[in-house]
Structure formats: structure tokens, C-alpha cells
């Protein structure tokens, strides 16, 4: 927390950091699930979007 404050000049409490960490963890899990190959979706590296088949 001290290093973050020194680098960004913003002070957050430990609870605020934990809340943000938990929210980011949920988003990351959802992202990994969307990017997975087994669900019919795939990541298009050229367009930087998620592609789905017409059947999906």
C-alpha cells in the first residue's frame, strides 16, 4: 500500500484494495471462461474481439 501511494499519490485502505482485488478476480474468471476454446467462442487477435460461430 505504501509503494502504491508513493507511485500514484493516492491512498487507499487495505479494505479498498481487497474489494478491488476481489472484483478483478471475478472479472478475470469470466474473461478466461469467455476466451476458452471449449465453449464455441474464440478470441480474434486481429480484431481484438470475441468471435462466435453462427450456430452459437
PDB file of N, CA and C in Angstrom:
ATOM      1  N   UNK A   1       0.823  -1.182   0.000  1.00  0.00           N
ATOM      2  CA  UNK A   1       0.000   0.000   0.000  1.00  0.00           C
ATOM      3  C   UNK A   1       0.870   1.249   0.000  1.00  0.00           C
ATOM      4  N   UNK A   2       1.967   1.191   0.705  1.00  0.00           N
ATOM      5  CA  UNK A   2       2.869   2.340   0.759  1.00  0.00           C
ATOM      6  C   UNK A   2       3.482   2.618  -0.606  1.00  0.00           C
ATOM      7  N   UNK A   3       3.937   1.557  -1.277  1.00  0.00           N
ATOM      8  CA  UNK A   3       4.516   1.737  -2.616  1.00  0.00           C
ATOM      9  C   UNK A   3       3.488   2.295  -3.592  1.00  0.00           C
ATOM     10  N   UNK A   4       2.255   1.798  -3.521  1.00  0.00           N
ATOM     11  CA  UNK A   4       1.200   2.293  -4.394  1.00  0.00           C
ATOM     12  C   UNK A   4       0.970   3.782  -4.150  1.00  0.00           C
ATOM     13  N   UNK A   5       0.912   4.165  -2.885  1.00  0.00           N
ATOM     14  CA  UNK A   5       0.707   5.572  -2.541  1.00  0.00           C
ATOM     15  C   UNK A   5       1.864   6.433  -3.050  1.00  0.00           C
ATOM     16  N   UNK A   6       3.084   5.937  -2.889  1.00  0.00           N
ATOM     17  CA  UNK A   6       4.249   6.699  -3.342  1.00  0.00           C
ATOM     18  C   UNK A   6       4.263   6.874  -4.856  1.00  0.00           C
ATOM     19  N   UNK A   7       3.851   5.836  -5.578  1.00  0.00           N
ATOM     20  CA  UNK A   7       3.897   5.894  -7.038  1.00  0.00           C
ATOM     21  C   UNK A   7       2.718   6.636  -7.647  1.00  0.00           C
ATOM     22  N   UNK A   8       1.533   6.558  -7.009  1.00  0.00           N
ATOM     23  CA  UNK A   8       0.335   7.157  -7.605  1.00  0.00           C
ATOM     24  C   UNK A   8      -0.161   8.397  -6.869  1.00  0.00           C
ATOM     25  N   UNK A   9       0.362   8.612  -5.683  1.00  0.00           N
ATOM     26  CA  UNK A   9      -0.080   9.725  -4.840  1.00  0.00           C
ATOM     27  C   UNK A   9      -1.551   9.573  -4.442  1.00  0.00           C
ATOM     28  N   UNK A  10      -2.027   8.307  -4.375  1.00  0.00           N
ATOM     29  CA  UNK A  10      -3.395   8.016  -3.952  1.00  0.00           C
ATOM     30  C   UNK A  10      -3.332   7.018  -2.801  1.00  0.00           C
ATOM     31  N   UNK A  11      -4.033   7.336  -1.733  1.00  0.00           N
ATOM     32  CA  UNK A  11      -4.027   6.471  -0.562  1.00  0.00           C
ATOM     33  C   UNK A  11      -5.341   5.708  -0.475  1.00  0.00           C
ATOM     34  N   UNK A  12      -5.242   4.391  -0.383  1.00  0.00           N
ATOM     35  CA  UNK A  12      -6.408   3.538  -0.224  1.00  0.00           C
ATOM     36  C   UNK A  12      -6.207   2.660   0.997  1.00  0.00           C
ATOM     37  N   UNK A  13      -7.304   2.287   1.622  1.00  0.00           N
ATOM     38  CA  UNK A  13      -7.217   1.409   2.781  1.00  0.00           C
ATOM     39  C   UNK A  13      -7.040  -0.037   2.323  1.00  0.00           C
ATOM     40  N   UNK A  14      -6.665  -0.891   3.257  1.00  0.00           N
ATOM     41  CA  UNK A  14      -6.498  -2.308   2.936  1.00  0.00           C
ATOM     42  C   UNK A  14      -7.830  -2.896   2.461  1.00  0.00           C
ATOM     43  N   UNK A  15      -8.922  -2.462   3.039  1.00  0.00           N
ATOM     44  CA  UNK A  15     -10.247  -2.946   2.640  1.00  0.00           C
ATOM     45  C   UNK A  15     -10.570  -2.555   1.196  1.00  0.00           C
ATOM     46  N   UNK A  16     -10.217  -1.327   0.812  1.00  0.00           N
ATOM     47  CA  UNK A  16     -10.451  -0.885  -0.566  1.00  0.00           C
ATOM     48  C   UNK A  16      -9.634  -1.723  -1.551  1.00  0.00           C
ATOM     49  N   UNK A  17      -8.393  -2.017  -1.205  1.00  0.00           N
ATOM     50  CA  UNK A  17      -7.562  -2.865  -2.057  1.00  0.00           C
ATOM     51  C   UNK A  17      -8.175  -4.258  -2.190  1.00  0.00           C
ATOM     52  N   UNK A  18      -8.624  -4.818  -1.085  1.00  0.00           N
ATOM     53  CA  UNK A  18      -9.207  -6.158  -1.120  1.00  0.00           C
ATOM     54  C   UNK A  18     -10.486  -6.170  -1.951  1.00  0.00           C
ATOM     55  N   UNK A  19     -11.335  -5.169  -1.791  1.00  0.00           N
ATOM     56  CA  UNK A  19     -12.566  -5.101  -2.576  1.00  0.00           C
ATOM     57  C   UNK A  19     -12.252  -5.054  -4.066  1.00  0.00           C
ATOM     58  N   UNK A  20     -11.270  -4.267  -4.430  1.00  0.00           N
ATOM     59  CA  UNK A  20     -10.893  -4.157  -5.847  1.00  0.00           C
ATOM     60  C   UNK A  20     -10.292  -5.468  -6.347  1.00  0.00           C
ATOM     61  N   UNK A  21      -9.459  -6.087  -5.528  1.00  0.00           N
ATOM     62  CA  UNK A  21      -8.843  -7.367  -5.896  1.00  0.00           C
ATOM     63  C   UNK A  21      -9.929  -8.416  -6.142  1.00  0.00           C
ATOM     64  N   UNK A  22     -10.907  -8.486  -5.258  1.00  0.00           N
ATOM     65  CA  UNK A  22     -11.980  -9.468  -5.396  1.00  0.00           C
ATOM     66  C   UNK A  22     -12.799  -9.217  -6.665  1.00  0.00           C
ATOM     67  N   UNK A  23     -13.072  -7.958  -6.965  1.00  0.00           N
ATOM     68  CA  UNK A  23     -13.833  -7.620  -8.174  1.00  0.00           C
ATOM     69  C   UNK A  23     -13.042  -7.983  -9.430  1.00  0.00           C
ATOM     70  N   UNK A  24     -11.747  -7.675  -9.427  1.00  0.00           N
ATOM     71  CA  UNK A  24     -10.915  -8.001 -10.583  1.00  0.00           C
ATOM     72  C   UNK A  24     -10.794  -9.512 -10.773  1.00  0.00           C
ATOM     73  N   UNK A  25     -10.750 -10.244  -9.675  1.00  0.00           N
ATOM     74  CA  UNK A  25     -10.650 -11.696  -9.748  1.00  0.00           C
ATOM     75  C   UNK A  25     -11.897 -12.284 -10.419  1.00  0.00           C
ATOM     76  N   UNK A  26     -13.080 -11.776 -10.071  1.00  0.00           N
ATOM     77  CA  UNK A  26     -14.323 -12.223 -10.705  1.00  0.00           C
ATOM     78  C   UNK A  26     -14.308 -11.919 -12.196  1.00  0.00           C
ATOM     79  N   UNK A  27     -13.892 -10.707 -12.547  1.00  0.00           N
ATOM     80  CA  UNK A  27     -13.836 -10.314 -13.960  1.00  0.00           C
ATOM     81  C   UNK A  27     -12.845 -11.183 -14.726  1.00  0.00           C
ATOM     82  N   UNK A  28     -11.706 -11.492 -14.130  1.00  0.00           N
ATOM     83  CA  UNK A  28     -10.696 -12.318 -14.781  1.00  0.00           C
ATOM     84  C   UNK A  28     -11.231 -13.720 -15.051  1.00  0.00           C
ATOM     85  N   UNK A  29     -11.936 -14.297 -14.067  1.00  0.00           N
ATOM     86  CA  UNK A  29     -12.505 -15.624 -14.243  1.00  0.00           C
ATOM     87  C   UNK A  29     -13.531 -15.627 -15.381  1.00  0.00           C
ATOM     88  N   UNK A  30     -14.358 -14.601 -15.449  1.00  0.00           N
ATOM     89  CA  UNK A  30     -15.345 -14.503 -16.527  1.00  0.00           C
ATOM     90  C   UNK A  30     -14.640 -14.361 -17.871  1.00  0.00           C
ATOM     91  N   UNK A  31     -13.580 -13.569 -17.937  1.00  0.00           N
ATOM     92  CA  UNK A  31     -12.810 -13.374 -19.159  1.00  0.00           C
ATOM     93  C   UNK A  31     -12.181 -14.683 -19.620  1.00  0.00           C
ATOM     94  N   UNK A  32     -11.571 -15.417 -18.680  1.00  0.00           N
ATOM     95  CA  UNK A  32     -10.956 -16.701 -19.018  1.00  0.00           C
ATOM     96  C   UNK A  32     -12.004 -17.671 -19.560  1.00  0.00           C
ATOM     97  N   UNK A  33     -13.198 -17.660 -18.971  1.00  0.00           N
ATOM     98  CA  UNK A  33     -14.267 -18.539 -19.423  1.00  0.00           C
ATOM     99  C   UNK A  33     -14.698 -18.161 -20.843  1.00  0.00           C
ATOM    100  N   UNK A  34     -14.820 -16.879 -21.117  1.00  0.00           N
ATOM    101  CA  UNK A  34     -15.200 -16.422 -22.464  1.00  0.00           C
ATOM    102  C   UNK A  34     -14.140 -16.768 -23.497  1.00  0.00           C
ATOM    103  N   UNK A  35     -12.882 -16.658 -23.106  1.00  0.00           N
ATOM    104  CA  UNK A  35     -11.789 -16.931 -24.032  1.00  0.00           C
ATOM    105  C   UNK A  35     -11.557 -18.411 -24.265  1.00  0.00           C
ATOM    106  N   UNK A  36     -12.158 -19.256 -23.445  1.00  0.00           N
ATOM    107  CA  UNK A  36     -11.948 -20.695 -23.551  1.00  0.00           C
ATOM    108  C   UNK A  36     -12.401 -21.238 -24.889  1.00  0.00           C
ATOM    109  N   UNK A  37     -11.687 -22.227 -25.384  1.00  0.00           N
ATOM    110  CA  UNK A  37     -11.983 -22.819 -26.690  1.00  0.00           C
ATOM    111  C   UNK A  37     -13.144 -23.801 -26.627  1.00  0.00           C
ATOM    112  N   UNK A  38     -13.456 -24.331 -25.473  1.00  0.00           N
ATOM    113  CA  UNK A  38     -14.444 -25.389 -25.374  1.00  0.00           C
ATOM    114  C   UNK A  38     -15.895 -24.894 -25.363  1.00  0.00           C
ATOM    115  N   UNK A  39     -16.129 -23.604 -25.394  1.00  0.00           N
ATOM    116  CA  UNK A  39     -17.486 -23.099 -25.324  1.00  0.00           C
ATOM    117  C   UNK A  39     -17.996 -22.541 -26.660  1.00  0.00           C
ATOM    118  N   UNK A  40     -17.244 -22.716 -27.730  1.00  0.00           N
ATOM    119  CA  UNK A  40     -17.674 -22.225 -29.028  1.00  0.00           C
ATOM    120  C   UNK A  40     -17.268 -20.795 -29.321  1.00  0.00           C
ATOM    121  N   UNK A  41     -16.658 -20.154 -28.358  1.00  0.00           N
ATOM    122  CA  UNK A  41     -16.172 -18.792 -28.549  1.00  0.00           C
ATOM    123  C   UNK A  41     -14.668 -18.817 -28.697  1.00  0.00           C
ATOM    124  N   UNK A  42     -14.134 -17.826 -29.390  1.00  0.00           N
ATOM    125  CA  UNK A  42     -12.673 -17.743 -29.516  1.00  0.00           C
ATOM    126  C   UNK A  42     -12.271 -16.272 -29.631  1.00  0.00           C
ATOM    127  N   UNK A  43     -11.045 -16.005 -29.260  1.00  0.00           N
ATOM    128  CA  UNK A  43     -10.503 -14.646 -29.287  1.00  0.00           C
ATOM    129  C   UNK A  43      -9.891 -14.379 -30.646  1.00  0.00           C
ATOM    130  N   UNK A  44     -10.296 -13.288 -31.277  1.00  0.00           N
ATOM    131  CA  UNK A  44      -9.743 -12.868 -32.556  1.00  0.00           C
ATOM    132  C   UNK A  44      -8.640 -11.858 -32.260  1.00  0.00           C
ATOM    133  N   UNK A  45      -7.398 -12.276 -32.477  1.00  0.00           N
ATOM    134  CA  UNK A  45      -6.269 -11.416 -32.128  1.00  0.00           C
ATOM    135  C   UNK A  45      -6.145 -10.226 -33.061  1.00  0.00           C
ATOM    136  N   UNK A  46      -6.633 -10.348 -34.287  1.00  0.00           N
ATOM    137  CA  UNK A  46      -6.536  -9.239 -35.235  1.00  0.00           C
ATOM    138  C   UNK A  46      -7.547  -8.150 -34.891  1.00  0.00           C
ATOM    139  N   UNK A  47      -8.801  -8.542 -34.698  1.00  0.00           N
ATOM    140  CA  UNK A  47      -9.852  -7.574 -34.365  1.00  0.00           C
ATOM    141  C   UNK A  47      -9.883  -7.210 -32.884  1.00  0.00           C
ATOM    142  N   UNK A  48      -9.232  -8.070 -32.061  1.00  0.00           N
ATOM    143  CA  UNK A  48      -9.249  -7.910 -30.602  1.00  0.00           C
ATOM    144  C   UNK A  48     -10.677  -7.950 -30.074  1.00  0.00           C
ATOM    145  N   UNK A  49     -11.434  -8.952 -30.574  1.00  0.00           N
ATOM    146  CA  UNK A  49     -12.804  -9.183 -30.143  1.00  0.00           C
ATOM    147  C   UNK A  49     -13.030 -10.674 -29.956  1.00  0.00           C
ATOM    148  N   UNK A  50     -14.172 -11.018 -29.387  1.00  0.00           N
ATOM    149  CA  UNK A  50     -14.552 -12.423 -29.249  1.00  0.00           C
ATOM    150  C   UNK A  50     -15.400 -12.793 -30.452  1.00  0.00           C
ATOM    151  N   UNK A  51     -15.046 -13.906 -31.108  1.00  0.00           N
ATOM    152  CA  UNK A  51     -15.790 -14.413 -32.248  1.00  0.00           C
ATOM    153  C   UNK A  51     -16.623 -15.607 -31.820  1.00  0.00           C
ATOM    154  N   UNK A  52     -17.772 -15.749 -32.441  1.00  0.00           N
ATOM    155  CA  UNK A  52     -18.627 -16.913 -32.199  1.00  0.00           C
ATOM    156  C   UNK A  52     -19.106 -17.424 -33.547  1.00  0.00           C
ATOM    157  N   UNK A  53     -19.356 -18.724 -33.612  1.00  0.00           N
ATOM    158  CA  UNK A  53     -19.893 -19.293 -34.844  1.00  0.00           C
ATOM    159  C   UNK A  53     -21.339 -18.820 -35.018  1.00  0.00           C
ATOM    160  N   UNK A  54     -21.868 -18.966 -36.231  1.00  0.00           N
ATOM    161  CA  UNK A  54     -23.256 -18.579 -36.480  1.00  0.00           C
ATOM    162  C   UNK A  54     -24.225 -19.427 -35.654  1.00  0.00           C
ATOM    163  N   UNK A  55     -23.857 -20.682 -35.427  1.00  0.00           N
ATOM    164  CA  UNK A  55     -24.711 -21.566 -34.619  1.00  0.00           C
ATOM    165  C   UNK A  55     -24.761 -21.112 -33.157  1.00  0.00           C
ATOM    166  N   UNK A  56     -23.692 -20.558 -32.674  1.00  0.00           N
ATOM    167  CA  UNK A  56     -23.646 -20.135 -31.287  1.00  0.00           C
ATOM    168  C   UNK A  56     -24.635 -19.040 -31.045  1.00  0.00           C
TER     169      UNK A  56
END
